[in-house]
Amino acid sequence: IYNAFDVGRLLRFVNVDTRQYRDGVVDPSDVE
């Protein structure tokens, strides 16, 4: 679903997927 498009030279929209490809959950206390 990620994609990008331009509105002339005024705007570029970059739309991303932060769920499907992310690494798994880690314990917040595991700083390393």
PDB file of all heavy atoms in Angstrom:
ATOM      1  N   ILE A   1       0.815  -1.216   0.000  1.00  0.00           N
ATOM      2  CA  ILE A   1       0.000   0.000   0.000  1.00  0.00           C
ATOM      3  C   ILE A   1       0.845   1.261   0.000  1.00  0.00           C
ATOM      4  O   ILE A   1       0.314   2.355  -0.182  1.00  0.00           O
ATOM      5  CB  ILE A   1      -0.970   0.033   1.199  1.00  0.00           C
ATOM      6  CG1 ILE A   1      -0.207   0.103   2.531  1.00  0.00           C
ATOM      7  CG2 ILE A   1      -1.925  -1.146   1.170  1.00  0.00           C
ATOM      8  CD1 ILE A   1      -1.063   0.498   3.709  1.00  0.00           C
ATOM      9  N   TYR A   2       2.163   1.146   0.213  1.00  0.00           N
ATOM     10  CA  TYR A   2       2.970   2.368   0.224  1.00  0.00           C
ATOM     11  C   TYR A   2       3.138   2.885  -1.195  1.00  0.00           C
ATOM     12  O   TYR A   2       3.257   2.129  -2.163  1.00  0.00           O
ATOM     13  CB  TYR A   2       4.298   2.174   0.944  1.00  0.00           C
ATOM     14  CG  TYR A   2       5.288   1.200   0.338  1.00  0.00           C
ATOM     15  CD1 TYR A   2       6.176   1.605  -0.660  1.00  0.00           C
ATOM     16  CD2 TYR A   2       5.379  -0.111   0.797  1.00  0.00           C
ATOM     17  CE1 TYR A   2       7.113   0.738  -1.195  1.00  0.00           C
ATOM     18  CE2 TYR A   2       6.316  -0.994   0.283  1.00  0.00           C
ATOM     19  CZ  TYR A   2       7.177  -0.571  -0.711  1.00  0.00           C
ATOM     20  OH  TYR A   2       8.098  -1.436  -1.236  1.00  0.00           O
ATOM     21  N   ASN A   3       3.106   4.219  -1.329  1.00  0.00           N
ATOM     22  CA  ASN A   3       3.159   4.865  -2.635  1.00  0.00           C
ATOM     23  C   ASN A   3       3.508   6.326  -2.465  1.00  0.00           C
ATOM     24  O   ASN A   3       3.531   6.842  -1.333  1.00  0.00           O
ATOM     25  CB  ASN A   3       1.816   4.713  -3.362  1.00  0.00           C
ATOM     26  CG  ASN A   3       0.687   5.380  -2.612  1.00  0.00           C
ATOM     27  OD1 ASN A   3       0.487   6.593  -2.707  1.00  0.00           O
ATOM     28  ND2 ASN A   3      -0.071   4.601  -1.835  1.00  0.00           N
ATOM     29  N   ALA A   4       3.751   7.015  -3.550  1.00  0.00           N
ATOM     30  CA  ALA A   4       4.058   8.447  -3.517  1.00  0.00           C
ATOM     31  C   ALA A   4       3.459   9.115  -4.745  1.00  0.00           C
ATOM     32  O   ALA A   4       3.301   8.488  -5.796  1.00  0.00           O
ATOM     33  CB  ALA A   4       5.566   8.683  -3.469  1.00  0.00           C
ATOM     34  N   PHE A   5       3.122  10.397  -4.607  1.00  0.00           N
ATOM     35  CA  PHE A   5       2.638  11.161  -5.756  1.00  0.00           C
ATOM     36  C   PHE A   5       2.887  12.643  -5.512  1.00  0.00           C
ATOM     37  O   PHE A   5       3.051  13.091  -4.374  1.00  0.00           O
ATOM     38  CB  PHE A   5       1.150  10.896  -6.024  1.00  0.00           C
ATOM     39  CG  PHE A   5       0.223  11.290  -4.907  1.00  0.00           C
ATOM     40  CD1 PHE A   5      -0.337  12.564  -4.858  1.00  0.00           C
ATOM     41  CD2 PHE A   5      -0.092  10.394  -3.899  1.00  0.00           C
ATOM     42  CE1 PHE A   5      -1.195  12.937  -3.833  1.00  0.00           C
ATOM     43  CE2 PHE A   5      -0.954  10.748  -2.871  1.00  0.00           C
ATOM     44  CZ  PHE A   5      -1.510  12.025  -2.842  1.00  0.00           C
ATOM     45  N   ASP A   6       2.916  13.402  -6.594  1.00  0.00           N
ATOM     46  CA  ASP A   6       3.182  14.835  -6.538  1.00  0.00           C
ATOM     47  C   ASP A   6       1.939  15.638  -6.898  1.00  0.00           C
ATOM     48  O   ASP A   6       1.114  15.207  -7.713  1.00  0.00           O
ATOM     49  CB  ASP A   6       4.305  15.220  -7.507  1.00  0.00           C
ATOM     50  CG  ASP A   6       5.645  14.624  -7.120  1.00  0.00           C
ATOM     51  OD1 ASP A   6       5.817  14.243  -5.946  1.00  0.00           O
ATOM     52  OD2 ASP A   6       6.513  14.514  -8.012  1.00  0.00           O
ATOM     53  N   VAL A   7       1.818  16.791  -6.277  1.00  0.00           N
ATOM     54  CA  VAL A   7       0.831  17.795  -6.669  1.00  0.00           C
ATOM     55  C   VAL A   7       1.623  18.945  -7.274  1.00  0.00           C
ATOM     56  O   VAL A   7       2.069  19.863  -6.576  1.00  0.00           O
ATOM     57  CB  VAL A   7      -0.014  18.260  -5.472  1.00  0.00           C
ATOM     58  CG1 VAL A   7      -1.013  19.339  -5.916  1.00  0.00           C
ATOM     59  CG2 VAL A   7      -0.754  17.076  -4.849  1.00  0.00           C
ATOM     60  N   GLY A   8       1.856  18.852  -8.581  1.00  0.00           N
ATOM     61  CA  GLY A   8       2.711  19.819  -9.255  1.00  0.00           C
ATOM     62  C   GLY A   8       4.080  19.889  -8.587  1.00  0.00           C
ATOM     63  O   GLY A   8       4.625  18.880  -8.140  1.00  0.00           O
ATOM     64  N   ARG A   9       4.621  21.104  -8.529  1.00  0.00           N
ATOM     65  CA  ARG A   9       5.886  21.314  -7.823  1.00  0.00           C
ATOM     66  C   ARG A   9       5.676  21.790  -6.399  1.00  0.00           C
ATOM     67  O   ARG A   9       6.635  22.101  -5.704  1.00  0.00           O
ATOM     68  CB  ARG A   9       6.738  22.331  -8.594  1.00  0.00           C
ATOM     69  CG  ARG A   9       7.180  21.840  -9.969  1.00  0.00           C
ATOM     70  CD  ARG A   9       8.241  22.750 -10.570  1.00  0.00           C
ATOM     71  NE  ARG A   9       7.726  24.099 -10.820  1.00  0.00           N
ATOM     72  CZ  ARG A   9       7.139  24.488 -11.936  1.00  0.00           C
ATOM     73  NH1 ARG A   9       6.935  23.611 -12.915  1.00  0.00           N
ATOM     74  NH2 ARG A   9       6.717  25.726 -12.107  1.00  0.00           N
ATOM     75  N   LEU A  10       4.388  21.818  -5.961  1.00  0.00           N
ATOM     76  CA  LEU A  10       4.087  22.320  -4.624  1.00  0.00           C
ATOM     77  C   LEU A  10       4.273  21.253  -3.550  1.00  0.00           C
ATOM     78  O   LEU A  10       4.842  21.530  -2.490  1.00  0.00           O
ATOM     79  CB  LEU A  10       2.645  22.852  -4.583  1.00  0.00           C
ATOM     80  CG  LEU A  10       2.200  23.457  -3.246  1.00  0.00           C
ATOM     81  CD1 LEU A  10       2.991  24.714  -2.920  1.00  0.00           C
ATOM     82  CD2 LEU A  10       0.703  23.763  -3.287  1.00  0.00           C
ATOM     83  N   LEU A  11       3.798  20.033  -3.812  1.00  0.00           N
ATOM     84  CA  LEU A  11       3.748  19.001  -2.774  1.00  0.00           C
ATOM     85  C   LEU A  11       4.171  17.641  -3.309  1.00  0.00           C
ATOM     86  O   LEU A  11       3.840  17.271  -4.436  1.00  0.00           O
ATOM     87  CB  LEU A  11       2.311  18.861  -2.250  1.00  0.00           C
ATOM     88  CG  LEU A  11       1.776  19.929  -1.297  1.00  0.00           C
ATOM     89  CD1 LEU A  11       0.269  20.014  -1.422  1.00  0.00           C
ATOM     90  CD2 LEU A  11       2.159  19.590   0.142  1.00  0.00           C
ATOM     91  N   ARG A  12       4.893  16.909  -2.479  1.00  0.00           N
ATOM     92  CA  ARG A  12       5.068  15.477  -2.690  1.00  0.00           C
ATOM     93  C   ARG A  12       4.541  14.767  -1.456  1.00  0.00           C
ATOM     94  O   ARG A  12       4.913  15.093  -0.325  1.00  0.00           O
ATOM     95  CB  ARG A  12       6.525  15.089  -2.925  1.00  0.00           C
ATOM     96  CG  ARG A  12       6.753  13.556  -2.890  1.00  0.00           C
ATOM     97  CD  ARG A  12       8.073  13.131  -3.486  1.00  0.00           C
ATOM     98  NE  ARG A  12       8.061  13.293  -4.943  1.00  0.00           N
ATOM     99  CZ  ARG A  12       9.072  12.912  -5.733  1.00  0.00           C
ATOM    100  NH1 ARG A  12      10.151  12.335  -5.208  1.00  0.00           N
ATOM    101  NH2 ARG A  12       8.988  13.089  -7.037  1.00  0.00           N
ATOM    102  N   PHE A  13       3.666  13.788  -1.669  1.00  0.00           N
ATOM    103  CA  PHE A  13       3.142  12.955  -0.595  1.00  0.00           C
ATOM    104  C   PHE A  13       3.789  11.573  -0.667  1.00  0.00           C
ATOM    105  O   PHE A  13       3.759  10.922  -1.716  1.00  0.00           O
ATOM    106  CB  PHE A  13       1.625  12.819  -0.710  1.00  0.00           C
ATOM    107  CG  PHE A  13       0.869  14.087  -0.448  1.00  0.00           C
ATOM    108  CD1 PHE A  13       0.346  14.834  -1.495  1.00  0.00           C
ATOM    109  CD2 PHE A  13       0.694  14.557   0.849  1.00  0.00           C
ATOM    110  CE1 PHE A  13      -0.356  16.013  -1.262  1.00  0.00           C
ATOM    111  CE2 PHE A  13      -0.006  15.731   1.092  1.00  0.00           C
ATOM    112  CZ  PHE A  13      -0.527  16.463   0.047  1.00  0.00           C
ATOM    113  N   VAL A  14       4.372  11.151   0.439  1.00  0.00           N
ATOM    114  CA  VAL A  14       4.996   9.830   0.554  1.00  0.00           C
ATOM    115  C   VAL A  14       4.224   9.072   1.630  1.00  0.00           C
ATOM    116  O   VAL A  14       4.261   9.438   2.811  1.00  0.00           O
ATOM    117  CB  VAL A  14       6.487   9.941   0.918  1.00  0.00           C
ATOM    118  CG1 VAL A  14       7.117   8.561   1.006  1.00  0.00           C
ATOM    119  CG2 VAL A  14       7.226  10.811  -0.096  1.00  0.00           C
ATOM    120  N   ASN A  15       3.500   8.038   1.221  1.00  0.00           N
ATOM    121  CA  ASN A  15       2.571   7.338   2.108  1.00  0.00           C
ATOM    122  C   ASN A  15       3.144   5.970   2.460  1.00  0.00           C
ATOM    123  O   ASN A  15       3.395   5.152   1.569  1.00  0.00           O
ATOM    124  CB  ASN A  15       1.217   7.183   1.409  1.00  0.00           C
ATOM    125  CG  ASN A  15       0.758   8.484   0.769  1.00  0.00           C
ATOM    126  OD1 ASN A  15       0.567   9.484   1.445  1.00  0.00           O
ATOM    127  ND2 ASN A  15       0.610   8.479  -0.551  1.00  0.00           N
ATOM    128  N   VAL A  16       3.348   5.705   3.749  1.00  0.00           N
ATOM    129  CA  VAL A  16       4.069   4.495   4.148  1.00  0.00           C
ATOM    130  C   VAL A  16       3.205   3.548   4.986  1.00  0.00           C
ATOM    131  O   VAL A  16       2.174   3.931   5.534  1.00  0.00           O
ATOM    132  CB  VAL A  16       5.365   4.848   4.920  1.00  0.00           C
ATOM    133  CG1 VAL A  16       6.321   5.627   4.038  1.00  0.00           C
ATOM    134  CG2 VAL A  16       5.059   5.614   6.210  1.00  0.00           C
ATOM    135  N   ASP A  17       3.679   2.308   5.070  1.00  0.00           N
ATOM    136  CA  ASP A  17       3.044   1.222   5.814  1.00  0.00           C
ATOM    137  C   ASP A  17       3.940   0.894   6.998  1.00  0.00           C
ATOM    138  O   ASP A  17       5.030   0.347   6.833  1.00  0.00           O
ATOM    139  CB  ASP A  17       2.893   0.019   4.880  1.00  0.00           C
ATOM    140  CG  ASP A  17       2.392  -1.247   5.565  1.00  0.00           C
ATOM    141  OD1 ASP A  17       2.194  -1.238   6.791  1.00  0.00           O
ATOM    142  OD2 ASP A  17       2.215  -2.259   4.863  1.00  0.00           O
ATOM    143  N   THR A  18       3.499   1.234   8.208  1.00  0.00           N
ATOM    144  CA  THR A  18       4.334   1.013   9.393  1.00  0.00           C
ATOM    145  C   THR A  18       4.014  -0.301  10.110  1.00  0.00           C
ATOM    146  O   THR A  18       4.501  -0.528  11.221  1.00  0.00           O
ATOM    147  CB  THR A  18       4.181   2.169  10.404  1.00  0.00           C
ATOM    148  OG1 THR A  18       2.830   2.196  10.890  1.00  0.00           O
ATOM    149  CG2 THR A  18       4.535   3.498   9.786  1.00  0.00           C
ATOM    150  N   ARG A  19       3.212  -1.186   9.531  1.00  0.00           N
ATOM    151  CA  ARG A  19       2.794  -2.433  10.199  1.00  0.00           C
ATOM    152  C   ARG A  19       3.347  -3.698   9.550  1.00  0.00           C
ATOM    153  O   ARG A  19       3.887  -4.555  10.232  1.00  0.00           O
ATOM    154  CB  ARG A  19       1.263  -2.520  10.230  1.00  0.00           C
ATOM    155  CG  ARG A  19       0.620  -1.600  11.213  1.00  0.00           C
ATOM    156  CD  ARG A  19       0.890  -2.014  12.645  1.00  0.00           C
ATOM    157  NE  ARG A  19       0.596  -0.913  13.559  1.00  0.00           N
ATOM    158  CZ  ARG A  19       0.843  -0.946  14.852  1.00  0.00           C
ATOM    159  NH1 ARG A  19       1.404  -2.012  15.402  1.00  0.00           N
ATOM    160  NH2 ARG A  19       0.566   0.100  15.608  1.00  0.00           N
ATOM    161  N   GLN A  20       3.187  -3.821   8.253  1.00  0.00           N
ATOM    162  CA  GLN A  20       3.428  -5.093   7.584  1.00  0.00           C
ATOM    163  C   GLN A  20       4.889  -5.521   7.633  1.00  0.00           C
ATOM    164  O   GLN A  20       5.182  -6.720   7.724  1.00  0.00           O
ATOM    165  CB  GLN A  20       2.954  -4.993   6.129  1.00  0.00           C
ATOM    166  CG  GLN A  20       3.106  -6.256   5.334  1.00  0.00           C
ATOM    167  CD  GLN A  20       2.529  -6.119   3.945  1.00  0.00           C
ATOM    168  OE1 GLN A  20       2.509  -7.086   3.182  1.00  0.00           O
ATOM    169  NE2 GLN A  20       2.047  -4.939   3.571  1.00  0.00           N
ATOM    170  N   TYR A  21       5.807  -4.558   7.587  1.00  0.00           N
ATOM    171  CA  TYR A  21       7.220  -4.888   7.431  1.00  0.00           C
ATOM    172  C   TYR A  21       8.051  -4.613   8.691  1.00  0.00           C
ATOM    173  O   TYR A  21       9.251  -4.871   8.694  1.00  0.00           O
ATOM    174  CB  TYR A  21       7.814  -4.093   6.258  1.00  0.00           C
ATOM    175  CG  TYR A  21       6.976  -4.125   5.010  1.00  0.00           C
ATOM    176  CD1 TYR A  21       6.229  -3.009   4.617  1.00  0.00           C
ATOM    177  CD2 TYR A  21       6.893  -5.278   4.236  1.00  0.00           C
ATOM    178  CE1 TYR A  21       5.451  -3.033   3.474  1.00  0.00           C
ATOM    179  CE2 TYR A  21       6.116  -5.312   3.089  1.00  0.00           C
ATOM    180  CZ  TYR A  21       5.395  -4.187   2.710  1.00  0.00           C
ATOM    181  OH  TYR A  21       4.613  -4.216   1.570  1.00  0.00           O
ATOM    182  N   ARG A  22       7.427  -4.098   9.726  1.00  0.00           N
ATOM    183  CA  ARG A  22       8.204  -3.712  10.914  1.00  0.00           C
ATOM    184  C   ARG A  22       8.777  -4.926  11.638  1.00  0.00           C
ATOM    185  O   ARG A  22       8.231  -6.028  11.597  1.00  0.00           O
ATOM    186  CB  ARG A  22       7.361  -2.875  11.877  1.00  0.00           C
ATOM    187  CG  ARG A  22       6.204  -3.613  12.511  1.00  0.00           C
ATOM    188  CD  ARG A  22       5.675  -2.914  13.768  1.00  0.00           C
ATOM    189  NE  ARG A  22       5.106  -1.600  13.538  1.00  0.00           N
ATOM    190  CZ  ARG A  22       4.698  -0.793  14.509  1.00  0.00           C
ATOM    191  NH1 ARG A  22       4.780  -1.189  15.781  1.00  0.00           N
ATOM    192  NH2 ARG A  22       4.178   0.391  14.236  1.00  0.00           N
ATOM    193  N   ASP A  23       9.891  -4.689  12.339  1.00  0.00           N
ATOM    194  CA  ASP A  23      10.456  -5.724  13.191  1.00  0.00           C
ATOM    195  C   ASP A  23       9.552  -5.956  14.392  1.00  0.00           C
ATOM    196  O   ASP A  23       8.751  -5.085  14.759  1.00  0.00           O
ATOM    197  CB  ASP A  23      11.859  -5.317  13.660  1.00  0.00           C
ATOM    198  CG  ASP A  23      12.873  -5.374  12.523  1.00  0.00           C
ATOM    199  OD1 ASP A  23      12.824  -6.344  11.744  1.00  0.00           O
ATOM    200  OD2 ASP A  23      13.700  -4.450  12.416  1.00  0.00           O
ATOM    201  N   GLY A  24       9.701  -7.108  15.028  1.00  0.00           N
ATOM    202  CA  GLY A  24       8.837  -7.491  16.129  1.00  0.00           C
ATOM    203  C   GLY A  24       9.021  -6.648  17.370  1.00  0.00           C
ATOM    204  O   GLY A  24       9.976  -5.877  17.509  1.00  0.00           O
ATOM    205  N   VAL A  25       8.108  -6.815  18.301  1.00  0.00           N
ATOM    206  CA  VAL A  25       8.116  -6.064  19.554  1.00  0.00           C
ATOM    207  C   VAL A  25       9.281  -6.518  20.427  1.00  0.00           C
ATOM    208  O   VAL A  25       9.591  -7.714  20.500  1.00  0.00           O
ATOM    209  CB  VAL A  25       6.780  -6.268  20.295  1.00  0.00           C
ATOM    210  CG1 VAL A  25       6.812  -5.619  21.667  1.00  0.00           C
ATOM    211  CG2 VAL A  25       5.634  -5.709  19.476  1.00  0.00           C
ATOM    212  N   VAL A  26       9.938  -5.569  21.094  1.00  0.00           N
ATOM    213  CA  VAL A  26      10.987  -5.882  22.063  1.00  0.00           C
ATOM    214  C   VAL A  26      10.633  -5.254  23.403  1.00  0.00           C
ATOM    215  O   VAL A  26       9.872  -4.284  23.477  1.00  0.00           O
ATOM    216  CB  VAL A  26      12.378  -5.389  21.604  1.00  0.00           C
ATOM    217  CG1 VAL A  26      12.776  -6.033  20.289  1.00  0.00           C
ATOM    218  CG2 VAL A  26      12.401  -3.868  21.475  1.00  0.00           C
ATOM    219  N   ASP A  27      11.175  -5.811  24.445  1.00  0.00           N
ATOM    220  CA  ASP A  27      10.971  -5.272  25.783  1.00  0.00           C
ATOM    221  C   ASP A  27      11.646  -3.906  25.875  1.00  0.00           C
ATOM    222  O   ASP A  27      12.838  -3.779  25.560  1.00  0.00           O
ATOM    223  CB  ASP A  27      11.580  -6.229  26.816  1.00  0.00           C
ATOM    224  CG  ASP A  27      11.222  -5.858  28.245  1.00  0.00           C
ATOM    225  OD1 ASP A  27      11.173  -4.641  28.548  1.00  0.00           O
ATOM    226  OD2 ASP A  27      11.002  -6.775  29.056  1.00  0.00           O
ATOM    227  N   PRO A  28      10.923  -2.852  26.283  1.00  0.00           N
ATOM    228  CA  PRO A  28      11.535  -1.517  26.341  1.00  0.00           C
ATOM    229  C   PRO A  28      12.727  -1.431  27.293  1.00  0.00           C
ATOM    230  O   PRO A  28      13.543  -0.513  27.180  1.00  0.00           O
ATOM    231  CB  PRO A  28      10.383  -0.612  26.800  1.00  0.00           C
ATOM    232  CG  PRO A  28       9.367  -1.521  27.386  1.00  0.00           C
ATOM    233  CD  PRO A  28       9.495  -2.819  26.657  1.00  0.00           C
ATOM    234  N   SER A  29      12.830  -2.372  28.232  1.00  0.00           N
ATOM    235  CA  SER A  29      13.977  -2.367  29.151  1.00  0.00           C
ATOM    236  C   SER A  29      15.236  -2.927  28.498  1.00  0.00           C
ATOM    237  O   SER A  29      16.341  -2.753  29.018  1.00  0.00           O
ATOM    238  CB  SER A  29      13.651  -3.174  30.410  1.00  0.00           C
ATOM    239  OG  SER A  29      13.452  -4.544  30.101  1.00  0.00           O
ATOM    240  N   ASP A  30      15.078  -3.600  27.350  1.00  0.00           N
ATOM    241  CA  ASP A  30      16.230  -4.141  26.623  1.00  0.00           C
ATOM    242  C   ASP A  30      16.757  -3.058  25.690  1.00  0.00           C
ATOM    243  O   ASP A  30      16.451  -3.021  24.497  1.00  0.00           O
ATOM    244  CB  ASP A  30      15.805  -5.385  25.836  1.00  0.00           C
ATOM    245  CG  ASP A  30      16.993  -6.138  25.245  1.00  0.00           C
ATOM    246  OD1 ASP A  30      18.091  -5.560  25.182  1.00  0.00           O
ATOM    247  OD2 ASP A  30      16.799  -7.299  24.830  1.00  0.00           O
ATOM    248  N   VAL A  31      17.556  -2.167  26.244  1.00  0.00           N
ATOM    249  CA  VAL A  31      18.021  -0.984  25.518  1.00  0.00           C
ATOM    250  C   VAL A  31      18.855  -1.372  24.302  1.00  0.00           C
ATOM    251  O   VAL A  31      18.754  -0.746  23.234  1.00  0.00           O
ATOM    252  CB  VAL A  31      18.816  -0.064  26.464  1.00  0.00           C
ATOM    253  CG1 VAL A  31      19.359   1.141  25.700  1.00  0.00           C
ATOM    254  CG2 VAL A  31      17.949   0.394  27.625  1.00  0.00           C
ATOM    255  N   GLU A  32      19.662  -2.401  24.445  1.00  0.00           N
ATOM    256  CA  GLU A  32      20.514  -2.824  23.332  1.00  0.00           C
ATOM    257  C   GLU A  32      19.680  -3.286  22.142  1.00  0.00           C
ATOM    258  O   GLU A  32      19.929  -2.880  20.995  1.00  0.00           O
ATOM    259  CB  GLU A  32      21.436  -3.948  23.783  1.00  0.00           C
ATOM    260  CG  GLU A  32      22.393  -4.415  22.683  1.00  0.00           C
ATOM    261  CD  GLU A  32      23.324  -5.515  23.148  1.00  0.00           C
ATOM    262  OE1 GLU A  32      23.335  -5.829  24.351  1.00  0.00           O
ATOM    263  OE2 GLU A  32      24.057  -6.069  22.288  1.00  0.00           O
TER     264      GLU A  32
END
